[in-house]
Amino acid sequence: MATILAIGTALPPDACSQRDFVDSYFSEAEEHSHQAENAKTFSLSLPEGEKSGIKRRHFSVLPRFDPDETSSRSLEKSFAVANERVPELAARAARNALDEWGRPASSITHLV
């Protein structure tokens, strides 16, 4: 029978409240009239994180509104950041799990 002996987690260092995230996105998008309606809809749909359940958002890179950004270019940037930051977070989560478990890494026989 398998047993989970420890779980490690790690989050990016930058964070803001859901309300601050929505307000920031809305205020930046308002400057660009073609995006304002989308921002308003987004803002109204996430009051204080009550509907989404999200209270804080963590970022590897703080988001910036760019009205000229195409979705494919934005996705490429996101993948570039993820390729750099995800291994760092995974390593930190693994160290946290080892610390929680309290035994050396050499004692691990299986990893899922």
Protein backbone atom coordinates (compact mmCIF):
# COMPACT_ATOMS: atom_id res chain seq x y z
CA MET A 1 0.00 0.00 0.00
CA ALA A 2 1.33 3.42 -0.98
CA THR A 3 1.56 6.21 1.56
CA ILE A 4 2.09 9.93 1.06
CA LEU A 5 4.79 10.91 3.52
CA ALA A 6 5.05 14.62 2.70
CA ILE A 7 3.78 17.26 0.34
CA GLY A 8 5.87 20.25 -0.64
CA THR A 9 4.56 23.46 -2.14
CA ALA A 10 6.13 26.65 -3.43
CA LEU A 11 4.66 29.89 -4.77
CA PRO A 12 6.24 32.76 -6.70
CA PRO A 13 7.26 35.64 -4.42
CA ASP A 14 5.09 38.39 -5.94
CA ALA A 15 1.43 38.42 -4.91
CA CYS A 16 -1.56 40.71 -4.70
CA SER A 17 -5.14 40.41 -3.57
CA GLN A 18 -7.76 39.38 -6.10
CA ARG A 19 -9.43 42.80 -5.73
CA ASP A 20 -6.14 44.64 -6.40
CA PHE A 21 -5.54 42.46 -9.45
CA VAL A 22 -9.00 43.16 -10.88
CA ASP A 23 -8.82 46.89 -10.08
CA SER A 24 -5.38 47.20 -11.66
CA TYR A 25 -6.41 45.34 -14.79
CA PHE A 26 -9.57 47.44 -15.10
CA SER A 27 -7.80 50.78 -14.62
CA GLU A 28 -5.10 49.94 -17.18
CA ALA A 29 -7.62 48.61 -19.68
CA GLU A 30 -9.82 51.68 -19.29
CA GLU A 31 -7.08 53.73 -20.94
CA HIS A 32 -7.65 51.68 -24.09
CA SER A 33 -11.31 52.02 -25.05
CA HIS A 34 -11.36 48.86 -27.19
CA GLN A 35 -10.49 46.81 -24.09
CA ALA A 36 -12.62 48.66 -21.53
CA GLU A 37 -15.78 46.57 -21.97
CA ASN A 38 -13.87 43.30 -21.52
CA ALA A 39 -12.20 44.68 -18.41
CA LYS A 40 -15.52 45.83 -16.98
CA THR A 41 -17.05 42.40 -17.54
CA PHE A 42 -14.01 40.76 -15.92
CA SER A 43 -14.15 43.14 -12.97
CA LEU A 44 -17.84 42.59 -12.34
CA SER A 45 -17.54 38.83 -12.59
CA LEU A 46 -14.96 38.51 -9.80
CA PRO A 47 -16.13 40.50 -6.77
CA GLU A 48 -13.49 40.12 -4.07
CA GLY A 49 -12.81 36.60 -5.26
CA GLU A 50 -16.16 35.45 -3.89
CA LYS A 51 -17.19 33.66 -7.06
CA SER A 52 -13.76 32.37 -8.04
CA GLY A 53 -12.60 31.46 -4.55
CA ILE A 54 -9.30 33.20 -5.29
CA LYS A 55 -8.15 35.55 -2.54
CA ARG A 56 -4.53 36.13 -3.60
CA ARG A 57 -2.76 35.78 -6.93
CA HIS A 58 0.92 34.92 -7.12
CA PHE A 59 3.07 35.96 -10.08
CA SER A 60 6.51 35.10 -11.36
CA VAL A 61 6.35 38.33 -13.34
CA LEU A 62 3.96 41.08 -12.38
CA PRO A 63 1.28 41.39 -15.08
CA ARG A 64 1.20 44.44 -17.30
CA PHE A 65 -1.67 45.29 -19.57
CA ASP A 66 -0.51 45.59 -23.19
CA PRO A 67 -3.31 46.37 -25.66
CA ASP A 68 -1.04 45.61 -28.62
CA GLU A 69 -0.07 42.19 -27.33
CA THR A 70 -1.34 39.37 -29.48
CA SER A 71 -2.42 36.22 -27.71
CA SER A 72 0.29 34.14 -29.40
CA ARG A 73 3.05 36.57 -28.46
CA SER A 74 1.72 36.74 -24.91
CA LEU A 75 1.66 32.95 -24.74
CA GLU A 76 5.26 32.76 -25.98
CA LYS A 77 6.33 35.18 -23.23
CA SER A 78 4.44 33.14 -20.62
CA PHE A 79 6.14 29.92 -21.74
CA ALA A 80 9.56 31.60 -21.65
CA VAL A 81 8.96 32.73 -18.06
CA ALA A 82 7.58 29.32 -17.09
CA ASN A 83 10.61 27.53 -18.56
CA GLU A 84 12.81 29.61 -16.29
CA ARG A 85 10.72 29.79 -13.12
CA VAL A 86 8.89 26.45 -12.88
CA PRO A 87 12.05 24.38 -12.25
CA GLU A 88 13.01 26.81 -9.46
CA LEU A 89 9.59 26.44 -7.84
CA ALA A 90 9.65 22.65 -8.27
CA ALA A 91 13.06 22.44 -6.59
CA ARG A 92 11.85 24.60 -3.69
CA ALA A 93 8.70 22.46 -3.33
CA ALA A 94 10.83 19.30 -3.29
CA ARG A 95 13.09 20.77 -0.59
CA ASN A 96 10.00 21.74 1.43
CA ALA A 97 8.64 18.19 1.14
CA LEU A 98 11.97 16.73 2.28
CA ASP A 99 12.03 19.14 5.22
CA GLU A 100 8.48 18.13 6.16
CA TRP A 101 9.33 14.43 5.86
CA GLY A 102 12.47 14.86 7.95
CA ARG A 103 14.59 12.24 6.19
CA PRO A 104 17.39 12.52 3.61
CA ALA A 105 16.66 12.43 -0.12
CA SER A 106 18.70 9.22 -0.35
CA SER A 107 15.90 7.44 1.58
CA ILE A 108 13.41 8.01 -1.24
CA THR A 109 12.55 4.86 -3.16
CA HIS A 110 9.62 6.14 -5.28
CA LEU A 111 8.52 9.58 -6.38
CA VAL A 112 5.20 10.49 -7.94
